[in-house]
Amino acid sequence: PPEVIGDMLTLARTSNLDVVHGVR
């Protein structure tokens, strides 16, 4: 789902992460 992209970006920026995996 493209709608998860916003959650990925927020997690990466707030937690200072270089990788955010989408896990099924």
PDB file of all heavy atoms in Angstrom:
ATOM      1  N   PRO A   1       0.812  -1.220   0.000  1.00  0.00           N
ATOM      2  CA  PRO A   1       0.000   0.000   0.000  1.00  0.00           C
ATOM      3  C   PRO A   1       0.846   1.272   0.000  1.00  0.00           C
ATOM      4  O   PRO A   1       1.688   1.456   0.887  1.00  0.00           O
ATOM      5  CB  PRO A   1      -0.819  -0.123   1.292  1.00  0.00           C
ATOM      6  CG  PRO A   1      -0.002  -1.000   2.174  1.00  0.00           C
ATOM      7  CD  PRO A   1       0.711  -1.956   1.278  1.00  0.00           C
ATOM      8  N   PRO A   2       0.630   2.177  -0.949  1.00  0.00           N
ATOM      9  CA  PRO A   2       1.372   3.452  -0.952  1.00  0.00           C
ATOM     10  C   PRO A   2       1.112   4.292   0.295  1.00  0.00           C
ATOM     11  O   PRO A   2       1.941   5.129   0.657  1.00  0.00           O
ATOM     12  CB  PRO A   2       0.843   4.150  -2.211  1.00  0.00           C
ATOM     13  CG  PRO A   2       0.287   3.064  -3.067  1.00  0.00           C
ATOM     14  CD  PRO A   2      -0.239   2.028  -2.128  1.00  0.00           C
ATOM     15  N   GLU A   3      -0.029   4.093   0.940  1.00  0.00           N
ATOM     16  CA  GLU A   3      -0.356   4.884   2.126  1.00  0.00           C
ATOM     17  C   GLU A   3       0.636   4.686   3.264  1.00  0.00           C
ATOM     18  O   GLU A   3       0.710   5.519   4.182  1.00  0.00           O
ATOM     19  CB  GLU A   3      -1.766   4.519   2.605  1.00  0.00           C
ATOM     20  CG  GLU A   3      -2.882   4.937   1.663  1.00  0.00           C
ATOM     21  CD  GLU A   3      -3.054   4.018   0.471  1.00  0.00           C
ATOM     22  OE1 GLU A   3      -2.414   2.927   0.464  1.00  0.00           O
ATOM     23  OE2 GLU A   3      -3.813   4.362  -0.439  1.00  0.00           O
ATOM     24  N   VAL A   4       1.422   3.615   3.230  1.00  0.00           N
ATOM     25  CA  VAL A   4       2.397   3.331   4.287  1.00  0.00           C
ATOM     26  C   VAL A   4       3.653   4.198   4.128  1.00  0.00           C
ATOM     27  O   VAL A   4       4.434   4.339   5.067  1.00  0.00           O
ATOM     28  CB  VAL A   4       2.752   1.831   4.267  1.00  0.00           C
ATOM     29  CG1 VAL A   4       3.805   1.483   5.311  1.00  0.00           C
ATOM     30  CG2 VAL A   4       1.511   0.994   4.511  1.00  0.00           C
ATOM     31  N   ILE A   5       3.840   4.807   2.967  1.00  0.00           N
ATOM     32  CA  ILE A   5       5.055   5.581   2.713  1.00  0.00           C
ATOM     33  C   ILE A   5       5.204   6.710   3.727  1.00  0.00           C
ATOM     34  O   ILE A   5       6.305   6.990   4.219  1.00  0.00           O
ATOM     35  CB  ILE A   5       5.044   6.130   1.274  1.00  0.00           C
ATOM     36  CG1 ILE A   5       5.193   4.976   0.278  1.00  0.00           C
ATOM     37  CG2 ILE A   5       6.161   7.157   1.073  1.00  0.00           C
ATOM     38  CD1 ILE A   5       5.103   5.399  -1.169  1.00  0.00           C
ATOM     39  N   GLY A   6       4.098   7.375   4.060  1.00  0.00           N
ATOM     40  CA  GLY A   6       4.166   8.445   5.049  1.00  0.00           C
ATOM     41  C   GLY A   6       4.651   7.956   6.401  1.00  0.00           C
ATOM     42  O   GLY A   6       5.450   8.633   7.074  1.00  0.00           O
ATOM     43  N   ASP A   7       4.194   6.775   6.813  1.00  0.00           N
ATOM     44  CA  ASP A   7       4.646   6.193   8.089  1.00  0.00           C
ATOM     45  C   ASP A   7       6.139   5.871   8.037  1.00  0.00           C
ATOM     46  O   ASP A   7       6.858   6.061   9.026  1.00  0.00           O
ATOM     47  CB  ASP A   7       3.856   4.933   8.409  1.00  0.00           C
ATOM     48  CG  ASP A   7       2.361   5.210   8.585  1.00  0.00           C
ATOM     49  OD1 ASP A   7       2.032   6.350   8.955  1.00  0.00           O
ATOM     50  OD2 ASP A   7       1.552   4.302   8.340  1.00  0.00           O
ATOM     51  N   MET A   8       6.597   5.367   6.897  1.00  0.00           N
ATOM     52  CA  MET A   8       8.017   5.061   6.750  1.00  0.00           C
ATOM     53  C   MET A   8       8.872   6.322   6.884  1.00  0.00           C
ATOM     54  O   MET A   8       9.894   6.335   7.595  1.00  0.00           O
ATOM     55  CB  MET A   8       8.280   4.412   5.382  1.00  0.00           C
ATOM     56  CG  MET A   8       7.760   3.004   5.227  1.00  0.00           C
ATOM     57  SD  MET A   8       8.121   2.382   3.559  1.00  0.00           S
ATOM     58  CE  MET A   8       7.917   0.628   3.796  1.00  0.00           C
ATOM     59  N   LEU A   9       8.452   7.370   6.205  1.00  0.00           N
ATOM     60  CA  LEU A   9       9.217   8.617   6.225  1.00  0.00           C
ATOM     61  C   LEU A   9       9.227   9.219   7.623  1.00  0.00           C
ATOM     62  O   LEU A   9      10.275   9.696   8.102  1.00  0.00           O
ATOM     63  CB  LEU A   9       8.629   9.594   5.214  1.00  0.00           C
ATOM     64  CG  LEU A   9       9.383  10.911   5.012  1.00  0.00           C
ATOM     65  CD1 LEU A   9      10.811  10.660   4.549  1.00  0.00           C
ATOM     66  CD2 LEU A   9       8.645  11.794   4.012  1.00  0.00           C
ATOM     67  N   THR A  10       8.095   9.197   8.300  1.00  0.00           N
ATOM     68  CA  THR A  10       8.028   9.739   9.657  1.00  0.00           C
ATOM     69  C   THR A  10       8.933   8.971  10.603  1.00  0.00           C
ATOM     70  O   THR A  10       9.667   9.556  11.413  1.00  0.00           O
ATOM     71  CB  THR A  10       6.577   9.694  10.164  1.00  0.00           C
ATOM     72  OG1 THR A  10       5.752  10.495   9.315  1.00  0.00           O
ATOM     73  CG2 THR A  10       6.488  10.219  11.584  1.00  0.00           C
ATOM     74  N   LEU A  11       8.902   7.632  10.520  1.00  0.00           N
ATOM     75  CA  LEU A  11       9.750   6.819  11.390  1.00  0.00           C
ATOM     76  C   LEU A  11      11.220   7.074  11.124  1.00  0.00           C
ATOM     77  O   LEU A  11      12.029   7.174  12.060  1.00  0.00           O
ATOM     78  CB  LEU A  11       9.414   5.337  11.180  1.00  0.00           C
ATOM     79  CG  LEU A  11      10.224   4.330  12.007  1.00  0.00           C
ATOM     80  CD1 LEU A  11      10.013   4.568  13.495  1.00  0.00           C
ATOM     81  CD2 LEU A  11       9.851   2.898  11.630  1.00  0.00           C
ATOM     82  N   ALA A  12      11.604   7.183   9.851  1.00  0.00           N
ATOM     83  CA  ALA A  12      13.012   7.412   9.518  1.00  0.00           C
ATOM     84  C   ALA A  12      13.496   8.756  10.046  1.00  0.00           C
ATOM     85  O   ALA A  12      14.624   8.867  10.556  1.00  0.00           O
ATOM     86  CB  ALA A  12      13.200   7.336   8.002  1.00  0.00           C
ATOM     87  N   ARG A  13      12.659   9.782   9.947  1.00  0.00           N
ATOM     88  CA  ARG A  13      13.081  11.127  10.361  1.00  0.00           C
ATOM     89  C   ARG A  13      13.069  11.286  11.877  1.00  0.00           C
ATOM     90  O   ARG A  13      13.970  11.918  12.445  1.00  0.00           O
ATOM     91  CB  ARG A  13      12.192  12.170   9.698  1.00  0.00           C
ATOM     92  CG  ARG A  13      12.264  12.125   8.172  1.00  0.00           C
ATOM     93  CD  ARG A  13      11.286  13.089   7.519  1.00  0.00           C
ATOM     94  NE  ARG A  13      11.770  14.461   7.555  1.00  0.00           N
ATOM     95  CZ  ARG A  13      11.116  15.491   7.034  1.00  0.00           C
ATOM     96  NH1 ARG A  13       9.932  15.298   6.455  1.00  0.00           N
ATOM     97  NH2 ARG A  13      11.621  16.707   7.089  1.00  0.00           N
ATOM     98  N   THR A  14      12.071  10.743  12.549  1.00  0.00           N
ATOM     99  CA  THR A  14      11.987  10.912  13.997  1.00  0.00           C
ATOM    100  C   THR A  14      12.986  10.028  14.746  1.00  0.00           C
ATOM    101  O   THR A  14      13.477  10.408  15.812  1.00  0.00           O
ATOM    102  CB  THR A  14      10.562  10.594  14.496  1.00  0.00           C
ATOM    103  OG1 THR A  14      10.196   9.259  14.086  1.00  0.00           O
ATOM    104  CG2 THR A  14       9.563  11.589  13.907  1.00  0.00           C
ATOM    105  N   SER A  15      13.283   8.846  14.186  1.00  0.00           N
ATOM    106  CA  SER A  15      14.206   7.917  14.857  1.00  0.00           C
ATOM    107  C   SER A  15      15.601   7.919  14.254  1.00  0.00           C
ATOM    108  O   SER A  15      16.447   7.104  14.643  1.00  0.00           O
ATOM    109  CB  SER A  15      13.629   6.493  14.810  1.00  0.00           C
ATOM    110  OG  SER A  15      12.362   6.431  15.419  1.00  0.00           O
ATOM    111  N   ASN A  16      15.830   8.792  13.278  1.00  0.00           N
ATOM    112  CA  ASN A  16      17.145   8.910  12.631  1.00  0.00           C
ATOM    113  C   ASN A  16      17.614   7.565  12.082  1.00  0.00           C
ATOM    114  O   ASN A  16      18.716   7.093  12.348  1.00  0.00           O
ATOM    115  CB  ASN A  16      18.181   9.462  13.618  1.00  0.00           C
ATOM    116  CG  ASN A  16      19.440   9.954  12.915  1.00  0.00           C
ATOM    117  OD1 ASN A  16      19.396  10.347  11.740  1.00  0.00           O
ATOM    118  ND2 ASN A  16      20.563   9.923  13.614  1.00  0.00           N
ATOM    119  N   LEU A  17      16.744   6.938  11.277  1.00  0.00           N
ATOM    120  CA  LEU A  17      17.033   5.636  10.694  1.00  0.00           C
ATOM    121  C   LEU A  17      17.448   5.791   9.237  1.00  0.00           C
ATOM    122  O   LEU A  17      16.981   6.690   8.533  1.00  0.00           O
ATOM    123  CB  LEU A  17      15.805   4.721  10.781  1.00  0.00           C
ATOM    124  CG  LEU A  17      15.261   4.426  12.174  1.00  0.00           C
ATOM    125  CD1 LEU A  17      14.002   3.579  12.083  1.00  0.00           C
ATOM    126  CD2 LEU A  17      16.317   3.740  13.038  1.00  0.00           C
ATOM    127  N   ASP A  18      18.311   4.891   8.775  1.00  0.00           N
ATOM    128  CA  ASP A  18      18.725   4.878   7.371  1.00  0.00           C
ATOM    129  C   ASP A  18      17.902   3.914   6.531  1.00  0.00           C
ATOM    130  O   ASP A  18      17.880   4.030   5.304  1.00  0.00           O
ATOM    131  CB  ASP A  18      20.207   4.503   7.252  1.00  0.00           C
ATOM    132  CG  ASP A  18      21.118   5.618   7.726  1.00  0.00           C
ATOM    133  OD1 ASP A  18      21.002   6.736   7.209  1.00  0.00           O
ATOM    134  OD2 ASP A  18      21.929   5.364   8.643  1.00  0.00           O
ATOM    135  N   VAL A  19      17.260   2.954   7.180  1.00  0.00           N
ATOM    136  CA  VAL A  19      16.471   1.949   6.468  1.00  0.00           C
ATOM    137  C   VAL A  19      15.172   1.711   7.235  1.00  0.00           C
ATOM    138  O   VAL A  19      15.198   1.562   8.461  1.00  0.00           O
ATOM    139  CB  VAL A  19      17.237   0.613   6.325  1.00  0.00           C
ATOM    140  CG1 VAL A  19      16.393  -0.408   5.566  1.00  0.00           C
ATOM    141  CG2 VAL A  19      18.579   0.822   5.647  1.00  0.00           C
ATOM    142  N   VAL A  20      14.065   1.686   6.503  1.00  0.00           N
ATOM    143  CA  VAL A  20      12.783   1.290   7.089  1.00  0.00           C
ATOM    144  C   VAL A  20      12.185   0.225   6.170  1.00  0.00           C
ATOM    145  O   VAL A  20      11.871   0.496   5.006  1.00  0.00           O
ATOM    146  CB  VAL A  20      11.806   2.469   7.227  1.00  0.00           C
ATOM    147  CG1 VAL A  20      10.474   1.980   7.787  1.00  0.00           C
ATOM    148  CG2 VAL A  20      12.397   3.543   8.132  1.00  0.00           C
ATOM    149  N   HIS A  21      12.055  -0.984   6.682  1.00  0.00           N
ATOM    150  CA  HIS A  21      11.509  -2.096   5.911  1.00  0.00           C
ATOM    151  C   HIS A  21       9.992  -2.132   6.037  1.00  0.00           C
ATOM    152  O   HIS A  21       9.450  -1.960   7.137  1.00  0.00           O
ATOM    153  CB  HIS A  21      12.063  -3.437   6.410  1.00  0.00           C
ATOM    154  CG  HIS A  21      13.539  -3.569   6.302  1.00  0.00           C
ATOM    155  ND1 HIS A  21      14.171  -3.884   5.114  1.00  0.00           N
ATOM    156  CD2 HIS A  21      14.528  -3.434   7.235  1.00  0.00           C
ATOM    157  CE1 HIS A  21      15.477  -3.946   5.315  1.00  0.00           C
ATOM    158  NE2 HIS A  21      15.720  -3.686   6.576  1.00  0.00           N
ATOM    159  N   GLY A  22       9.327  -2.371   4.929  1.00  0.00           N
ATOM    160  CA  GLY A  22       7.914  -2.708   4.979  1.00  0.00           C
ATOM    161  C   GLY A  22       7.776  -4.207   5.192  1.00  0.00           C
ATOM    162  O   GLY A  22       8.251  -5.008   4.377  1.00  0.00           O
ATOM    163  N   VAL A  23       7.158  -4.604   6.289  1.00  0.00           N
ATOM    164  CA  VAL A  23       7.068  -6.012   6.675  1.00  0.00           C
ATOM    165  C   VAL A  23       5.619  -6.478   6.541  1.00  0.00           C
ATOM    166  O   VAL A  23       4.705  -5.855   7.099  1.00  0.00           O
ATOM    167  CB  VAL A  23       7.569  -6.233   8.113  1.00  0.00           C
ATOM    168  CG1 VAL A  23       7.397  -7.692   8.513  1.00  0.00           C
ATOM    169  CG2 VAL A  23       9.028  -5.819   8.229  1.00  0.00           C
ATOM    170  N   ARG A  24       5.420  -7.567   5.826  1.00  0.00           N
ATOM    171  CA  ARG A  24       4.080  -8.103   5.584  1.00  0.00           C
ATOM    172  C   ARG A  24       3.648  -8.947   6.780  1.00  0.00           C
ATOM    173  O   ARG A  24       4.140 -10.050   6.968  1.00  0.00           O
ATOM    174  CB  ARG A  24       4.082  -8.946   4.308  1.00  0.00           C
ATOM    175  CG  ARG A  24       4.637  -8.205   3.095  1.00  0.00           C
ATOM    176  CD  ARG A  24       5.197  -9.173   2.083  1.00  0.00           C
ATOM    177  NE  ARG A  24       5.770  -8.497   0.928  1.00  0.00           N
ATOM    178  CZ  ARG A  24       6.527  -9.093   0.014  1.00  0.00           C
ATOM    179  NH1 ARG A  24       6.815 -10.380   0.135  1.00  0.00           N
ATOM    180  NH2 ARG A  24       7.004  -8.410  -1.012  1.00  0.00           N
TER     181      ARG A  24
END
